[in-house]
Amino acid sequence: MTRPTFFVEEDKILAALFDEGLDNLHLYKPGSSPMYSERLLSLLPGNNYKRITVHDNYYLKEEFQLNGIHIEDETTPVPSGYKGHVSRTCTHLELLKEAKRKADYVFLKYIGDSQSEPDCKASFTQQQLEEASRSGLIDRHVYALGGMNLDTVKQMKDLGFGGIVICGDIWNRFNIQQEVDYQSVIDHFSKLRKAIG
């Protein structure tokens, strides 16, 4: 997932991450002008558009032929007339089953303490996650979001998650005000990719 704000080297880093094997990027820029998202997308190689899912500004999906749209909660209806991939964020296990019915895949948020939003803390106990896994609630259509890093990859795989959402663990490795060399971000992503398998 992108940082929630735009920064100068972002298009170069995202292009390098795609070259390194990033298979699904969520363009997440809450509250920003759509013009900035359009500019960022126009700077990326067009062959990567099918690997991008947009949060907000859903018209970008058609304009750039993106992979799909992401809805930030469990219950908001899909925009009228929309055809295509839909993903959602879910924050409650009791709503996960319904959210999965309304999406191709779901981010289960607050698995761990957020590394990019300090006020967002884990909402689930290990026991709750294990029970959700045993009951089939957590499966390949559910992605873990919140506190994901190299140390949590194996645990999430063991619980049966279909993937993990990386945000803070990647972006906290690059100081957008002081750095231009982003190789450490790419190297870390490569380690994560290998760990995920």
C-alpha atoms as a PDB file:
ATOM      1  CA  MET A   1       0.000   0.000   0.000  1.00  0.00           C
ATOM      2  CA  THR A   2       1.272   3.478  -0.794  1.00  0.00           C
ATOM      3  CA  ARG A   3       2.012   6.101   1.829  1.00  0.00           C
ATOM      4  CA  PRO A   4      -1.090   8.228   2.426  1.00  0.00           C
ATOM      5  CA  THR A   5       0.799  11.327   1.189  1.00  0.00           C
ATOM      6  CA  PHE A   6       2.638  11.983  -2.067  1.00  0.00           C
ATOM      7  CA  PHE A   7       6.399  12.521  -2.218  1.00  0.00           C
ATOM      8  CA  VAL A   8       9.015  13.316  -4.849  1.00  0.00           C
ATOM      9  CA  GLU A   9      10.639   9.910  -5.429  1.00  0.00           C
ATOM     10  CA  GLU A  10       7.393   7.930  -5.181  1.00  0.00           C
ATOM     11  CA  ASP A  11       6.954   7.075  -8.871  1.00  0.00           C
ATOM     12  CA  LYS A  12      10.568   5.829  -9.118  1.00  0.00           C
ATOM     13  CA  ILE A  13      10.227   3.671  -6.004  1.00  0.00           C
ATOM     14  CA  LEU A  14       6.889   2.202  -7.130  1.00  0.00           C
ATOM     15  CA  ALA A  15       8.265   1.413 -10.600  1.00  0.00           C
ATOM     16  CA  ALA A  16      11.276  -0.300  -8.989  1.00  0.00           C
ATOM     17  CA  LEU A  17       8.985  -2.292  -6.673  1.00  0.00           C
ATOM     18  CA  PHE A  18       6.957  -3.474  -9.673  1.00  0.00           C
ATOM     19  CA  ASP A  19      10.216  -4.484 -11.393  1.00  0.00           C
ATOM     20  CA  GLU A  20      11.124  -6.399  -8.235  1.00  0.00           C
ATOM     21  CA  GLY A  21       7.874  -8.396  -8.387  1.00  0.00           C
ATOM     22  CA  LEU A  22       5.215  -6.332  -6.602  1.00  0.00           C
ATOM     23  CA  ASP A  23       1.988  -7.960  -7.772  1.00  0.00           C
ATOM     24  CA  ASN A  24      -0.694  -5.717  -6.244  1.00  0.00           C
ATOM     25  CA  LEU A  25      -0.313  -2.068  -5.261  1.00  0.00           C
ATOM     26  CA  HIS A  26      -3.067  -0.234  -3.422  1.00  0.00           C
ATOM     27  CA  LEU A  27      -3.050   3.464  -4.283  1.00  0.00           C
ATOM     28  CA  TYR A  28      -4.140   4.953  -0.955  1.00  0.00           C
ATOM     29  CA  LYS A  29      -4.148   8.769  -0.790  1.00  0.00           C
ATOM     30  CA  PRO A  30      -7.072   9.724   1.478  1.00  0.00           C
ATOM     31  CA  GLY A  31      -8.294  13.293   1.238  1.00  0.00           C
ATOM     32  CA  SER A  32      -5.957  14.263  -1.593  1.00  0.00           C
ATOM     33  CA  SER A  33      -6.880  15.901  -4.865  1.00  0.00           C
ATOM     34  CA  PRO A  34      -7.434  13.319  -7.634  1.00  0.00           C
ATOM     35  CA  MET A  35      -5.141  15.396  -9.840  1.00  0.00           C
ATOM     36  CA  TYR A  36      -2.129  14.209  -7.815  1.00  0.00           C
ATOM     37  CA  SER A  37      -3.120  10.559  -8.189  1.00  0.00           C
ATOM     38  CA  GLU A  38      -3.531  11.095 -11.931  1.00  0.00           C
ATOM     39  CA  ARG A  39      -0.049  12.587 -12.098  1.00  0.00           C
ATOM     40  CA  LEU A  40       1.500   9.725 -10.126  1.00  0.00           C
ATOM     41  CA  LEU A  41      -0.208   7.149 -12.338  1.00  0.00           C
ATOM     42  CA  SER A  42       0.906   8.941 -15.501  1.00  0.00           C
ATOM     43  CA  LEU A  43       4.536   8.690 -14.311  1.00  0.00           C
ATOM     44  CA  LEU A  44       4.341   4.902 -13.904  1.00  0.00           C
ATOM     45  CA  PRO A  45       4.873   2.470 -16.794  1.00  0.00           C
ATOM     46  CA  GLY A  46       1.455   1.592 -18.248  1.00  0.00           C
ATOM     47  CA  ASN A  47       2.150  -2.140 -18.071  1.00  0.00           C
ATOM     48  CA  ASN A  48       1.795  -1.870 -14.268  1.00  0.00           C
ATOM     49  CA  TYR A  49      -1.726  -0.397 -14.272  1.00  0.00           C
ATOM     50  CA  LYS A  50      -3.372  -3.834 -14.155  1.00  0.00           C
ATOM     51  CA  ARG A  51      -1.576  -4.382 -10.837  1.00  0.00           C
ATOM     52  CA  ILE A  52      -2.967  -1.265  -9.137  1.00  0.00           C
ATOM     53  CA  THR A  53      -6.119  -0.997  -7.031  1.00  0.00           C
ATOM     54  CA  VAL A  54      -7.396   2.484  -6.225  1.00  0.00           C
ATOM     55  CA  HIS A  55      -8.887   3.731  -2.959  1.00  0.00           C
ATOM     56  CA  ASP A  56     -11.224   6.706  -3.572  1.00  0.00           C
ATOM     57  CA  ASN A  57     -11.448   8.518  -6.906  1.00  0.00           C
ATOM     58  CA  TYR A  58     -12.846   5.380  -8.479  1.00  0.00           C
ATOM     59  CA  TYR A  59     -13.044   6.943 -11.956  1.00  0.00           C
ATOM     60  CA  LEU A  60      -9.266   6.366 -12.136  1.00  0.00           C
ATOM     61  CA  LYS A  61      -9.976   2.638 -12.459  1.00  0.00           C
ATOM     62  CA  GLU A  62     -11.472   3.144 -15.920  1.00  0.00           C
ATOM     63  CA  GLU A  63      -9.320   6.087 -16.969  1.00  0.00           C
ATOM     64  CA  PHE A  64      -6.087   4.142 -16.408  1.00  0.00           C
ATOM     65  CA  GLN A  65      -7.490   0.605 -16.812  1.00  0.00           C
ATOM     66  CA  LEU A  66      -6.479  -0.272 -13.235  1.00  0.00           C
ATOM     67  CA  ASN A  67      -7.067  -3.638 -11.574  1.00  0.00           C
ATOM     68  CA  GLY A  68      -9.957  -2.557  -9.356  1.00  0.00           C
ATOM     69  CA  ILE A  69     -11.318  -0.427  -6.544  1.00  0.00           C
ATOM     70  CA  HIS A  70     -11.043  -0.699  -2.771  1.00  0.00           C
ATOM     71  CA  ILE A  71     -13.877   0.185  -0.393  1.00  0.00           C
ATOM     72  CA  GLU A  72     -12.743   1.234   3.080  1.00  0.00           C
ATOM     73  CA  ASP A  73     -15.383  -0.640   5.088  1.00  0.00           C
ATOM     74  CA  GLU A  74     -17.477  -3.782   5.240  1.00  0.00           C
ATOM     75  CA  THR A  75     -20.862  -2.438   4.213  1.00  0.00           C
ATOM     76  CA  THR A  76     -20.653   0.460   1.745  1.00  0.00           C
ATOM     77  CA  PRO A  77     -22.247  -0.634  -1.524  1.00  0.00           C
ATOM     78  CA  VAL A  78     -20.242  -0.906  -4.716  1.00  0.00           C
ATOM     79  CA  PRO A  79     -20.759   2.223  -6.859  1.00  0.00           C
ATOM     80  CA  SER A  80     -23.805   1.930  -9.101  1.00  0.00           C
ATOM     81  CA  GLY A  81     -22.974   0.423 -12.475  1.00  0.00           C
ATOM     82  CA  TYR A  82     -19.440  -0.564 -11.473  1.00  0.00           C
ATOM     83  CA  LYS A  83     -18.111  -3.770 -13.045  1.00  0.00           C
ATOM     84  CA  GLY A  84     -14.744  -5.133 -12.019  1.00  0.00           C
ATOM     85  CA  HIS A  85     -12.621  -6.227  -9.088  1.00  0.00           C
ATOM     86  CA  VAL A  86     -13.583  -5.001  -5.628  1.00  0.00           C
ATOM     87  CA  SER A  87     -11.669  -5.304  -2.378  1.00  0.00           C
ATOM     88  CA  ARG A  88     -12.700  -4.098   1.065  1.00  0.00           C
ATOM     89  CA  THR A  89     -11.330  -3.348   4.503  1.00  0.00           C
ATOM     90  CA  CYS A  90     -12.902  -5.142   7.455  1.00  0.00           C
ATOM     91  CA  THR A  91     -12.202  -4.363  11.108  1.00  0.00           C
ATOM     92  CA  HIS A  92     -14.513  -6.867  12.834  1.00  0.00           C
ATOM     93  CA  LEU A  93     -14.380 -10.656  12.649  1.00  0.00           C
ATOM     94  CA  GLU A  94     -18.172 -10.870  12.920  1.00  0.00           C
ATOM     95  CA  LEU A  95     -18.470  -8.854   9.695  1.00  0.00           C
ATOM     96  CA  LEU A  96     -15.745 -10.697   7.795  1.00  0.00           C
ATOM     97  CA  LYS A  97     -17.972 -13.394   6.303  1.00  0.00           C
ATOM     98  CA  GLU A  98     -20.332 -10.808   4.816  1.00  0.00           C
ATOM     99  CA  ALA A  99     -17.440  -8.609   3.633  1.00  0.00           C
ATOM    100  CA  LYS A 100     -15.938 -11.602   1.786  1.00  0.00           C
ATOM    101  CA  ARG A 101     -19.232 -12.109  -0.049  1.00  0.00           C
ATOM    102  CA  LYS A 102     -19.072  -8.535  -1.334  1.00  0.00           C
ATOM    103  CA  ALA A 103     -15.430  -8.524  -2.481  1.00  0.00           C
ATOM    104  CA  ASP A 104     -12.771 -10.457  -4.350  1.00  0.00           C
ATOM    105  CA  TYR A 105     -10.574 -10.153  -1.256  1.00  0.00           C
ATOM    106  CA  VAL A 106     -10.672  -8.380   2.101  1.00  0.00           C
ATOM    107  CA  PHE A 107      -8.076  -6.606   4.227  1.00  0.00           C
ATOM    108  CA  LEU A 108      -8.585  -7.633   7.862  1.00  0.00           C
ATOM    109  CA  LYS A 109      -7.297  -4.524   9.614  1.00  0.00           C
ATOM    110  CA  TYR A 110      -5.664  -4.141  13.026  1.00  0.00           C
ATOM    111  CA  ILE A 111      -4.018  -7.559  13.110  1.00  0.00           C
ATOM    112  CA  GLY A 112      -1.037  -5.894  14.784  1.00  0.00           C
ATOM    113  CA  ASP A 113      -0.095  -2.399  15.897  1.00  0.00           C
ATOM    114  CA  SER A 114       0.252  -0.146  12.854  1.00  0.00           C
ATOM    115  CA  GLN A 115       3.759   0.969  11.954  1.00  0.00           C
ATOM    116  CA  SER A 116       2.460   3.919   9.923  1.00  0.00           C
ATOM    117  CA  GLU A 117      -0.408   5.097  12.160  1.00  0.00           C
ATOM    118  CA  PRO A 118       0.753   5.031  15.824  1.00  0.00           C
ATOM    119  CA  ASP A 119      -2.793   5.374  17.199  1.00  0.00           C
ATOM    120  CA  CYS A 120      -3.978   2.199  15.423  1.00  0.00           C
ATOM    121  CA  LYS A 121      -3.473  -0.742  17.763  1.00  0.00           C
ATOM    122  CA  ALA A 122      -4.119  -4.461  17.364  1.00  0.00           C
ATOM    123  CA  SER A 123      -7.784  -5.416  17.800  1.00  0.00           C
ATOM    124  CA  PHE A 124      -7.562  -9.203  17.827  1.00  0.00           C
ATOM    125  CA  THR A 125      -6.035 -11.718  20.188  1.00  0.00           C
ATOM    126  CA  GLN A 126      -3.994 -14.625  18.891  1.00  0.00           C
ATOM    127  CA  GLN A 127      -6.766 -16.919  20.124  1.00  0.00           C
ATOM    128  CA  GLN A 128      -9.404 -15.035  18.100  1.00  0.00           C
ATOM    129  CA  LEU A 129      -7.275 -15.248  14.956  1.00  0.00           C
ATOM    130  CA  GLU A 130      -6.622 -18.962  15.455  1.00  0.00           C
ATOM    131  CA  GLU A 131     -10.349 -19.620  15.905  1.00  0.00           C
ATOM    132  CA  ALA A 132     -11.164 -17.575  12.782  1.00  0.00           C
ATOM    133  CA  SER A 133      -8.583 -19.618  10.912  1.00  0.00           C
ATOM    134  CA  ARG A 134      -9.941 -22.961  12.178  1.00  0.00           C
ATOM    135  CA  SER A 135     -13.477 -21.995  11.214  1.00  0.00           C
ATOM    136  CA  GLY A 136     -12.399 -21.057   7.671  1.00  0.00           C
ATOM    137  CA  LEU A 137     -13.142 -17.369   8.163  1.00  0.00           C
ATOM    138  CA  ILE A 138      -9.510 -16.529   7.446  1.00  0.00           C
ATOM    139  CA  ASP A 139      -8.550 -17.939   4.054  1.00  0.00           C
ATOM    140  CA  ARG A 140      -6.782 -17.010   0.817  1.00  0.00           C
ATOM    141  CA  HIS A 141      -9.304 -14.192   0.238  1.00  0.00           C
ATOM    142  CA  VAL A 142      -8.304 -12.406   3.465  1.00  0.00           C
ATOM    143  CA  TYR A 143      -5.132 -10.306   3.751  1.00  0.00           C
ATOM    144  CA  ALA A 144      -3.594  -9.288   7.082  1.00  0.00           C
ATOM    145  CA  LEU A 145      -3.214  -5.531   7.622  1.00  0.00           C
ATOM    146  CA  GLY A 146      -1.522  -3.821  10.554  1.00  0.00           C
ATOM    147  CA  GLY A 147       1.991  -4.360  11.862  1.00  0.00           C
ATOM    148  CA  MET A 148       3.061  -6.608   9.004  1.00  0.00           C
ATOM    149  CA  ASN A 149       6.816  -7.142   8.626  1.00  0.00           C
ATOM    150  CA  LEU A 150       9.418  -9.878   8.182  1.00  0.00           C
ATOM    151  CA  ASP A 151       8.767 -11.136  11.711  1.00  0.00           C
ATOM    152  CA  THR A 152       5.035 -11.665  11.133  1.00  0.00           C
ATOM    153  CA  VAL A 153       5.059 -13.291   7.666  1.00  0.00           C
ATOM    154  CA  LYS A 154       5.336 -16.904   8.846  1.00  0.00           C
ATOM    155  CA  GLN A 155       2.672 -16.461  11.512  1.00  0.00           C
ATOM    156  CA  MET A 156       0.234 -14.993   8.958  1.00  0.00           C
ATOM    157  CA  LYS A 157       0.927 -17.857   6.532  1.00  0.00           C
ATOM    158  CA  ASP A 158       0.331 -20.366   9.335  1.00  0.00           C
ATOM    159  CA  LEU A 159      -3.005 -18.699  10.124  1.00  0.00           C
ATOM    160  CA  GLY A 160      -4.053 -19.146   6.490  1.00  0.00           C
ATOM    161  CA  PHE A 161      -4.107 -15.524   5.309  1.00  0.00           C
ATOM    162  CA  GLY A 162      -3.934 -15.149   1.542  1.00  0.00           C
ATOM    163  CA  GLY A 163      -1.363 -12.394   1.895  1.00  0.00           C
ATOM    164  CA  ILE A 164      -0.185  -9.453   3.922  1.00  0.00           C
ATOM    165  CA  VAL A 165      -0.499  -5.718   3.372  1.00  0.00           C
ATOM    166  CA  ILE A 166       2.793  -3.895   3.776  1.00  0.00           C
ATOM    167  CA  CYS A 167       2.829  -0.175   4.401  1.00  0.00           C
ATOM    168  CA  GLY A 168       4.846   1.213   7.328  1.00  0.00           C
ATOM    169  CA  ASP A 169       7.451  -1.549   7.216  1.00  0.00           C
ATOM    170  CA  ILE A 170       8.445  -0.410   3.715  1.00  0.00           C
ATOM    171  CA  TRP A 171       7.896   3.345   3.853  1.00  0.00           C
ATOM    172  CA  ASN A 172       9.493   3.887   7.257  1.00  0.00           C
ATOM    173  CA  ARG A 173      12.791   2.842   5.631  1.00  0.00           C
ATOM    174  CA  PHE A 174      12.884   5.943   3.453  1.00  0.00           C
ATOM    175  CA  ASN A 175      13.050   9.503   4.757  1.00  0.00           C
ATOM    176  CA  ILE A 176      11.118  11.461   2.144  1.00  0.00           C
ATOM    177  CA  GLN A 177      12.593  14.794   3.279  1.00  0.00           C
ATOM    178  CA  GLN A 178      16.262  13.798   3.314  1.00  0.00           C
ATOM    179  CA  GLU A 179      16.924  10.813   1.063  1.00  0.00           C
ATOM    180  CA  VAL A 180      17.016  10.145  -2.656  1.00  0.00           C
ATOM    181  CA  ASP A 181      18.637   6.702  -2.516  1.00  0.00           C
ATOM    182  CA  TYR A 182      15.792   4.237  -2.046  1.00  0.00           C
ATOM    183  CA  GLN A 183      17.733   1.000  -2.561  1.00  0.00           C
ATOM    184  CA  SER A 184      17.134  -0.025   1.076  1.00  0.00           C
ATOM    185  CA  VAL A 185      13.374   0.009   0.364  1.00  0.00           C
ATOM    186  CA  ILE A 186      13.815  -2.266  -2.659  1.00  0.00           C
ATOM    187  CA  ASP A 187      16.191  -4.603  -0.787  1.00  0.00           C
ATOM    188  CA  HIS A 188      13.749  -4.915   2.100  1.00  0.00           C
ATOM    189  CA  PHE A 189      10.863  -5.608  -0.270  1.00  0.00           C
ATOM    190  CA  SER A 190      12.934  -8.421  -1.844  1.00  0.00           C
ATOM    191  CA  LYS A 191      13.417  -9.997   1.603  1.00  0.00           C
ATOM    192  CA  LEU A 192       9.685  -9.745   2.288  1.00  0.00           C
ATOM    193  CA  ARG A 193       8.843 -11.296  -1.069  1.00  0.00           C
ATOM    194  CA  LYS A 194      11.144 -14.249  -0.430  1.00  0.00           C
ATOM    195  CA  ALA A 195       9.669 -14.741   3.049  1.00  0.00           C
ATOM    196  CA  ILE A 196       6.135 -14.724   1.656  1.00  0.00           C
ATOM    197  CA  GLY A 197       7.095 -17.269  -1.003  1.00  0.00           C
END
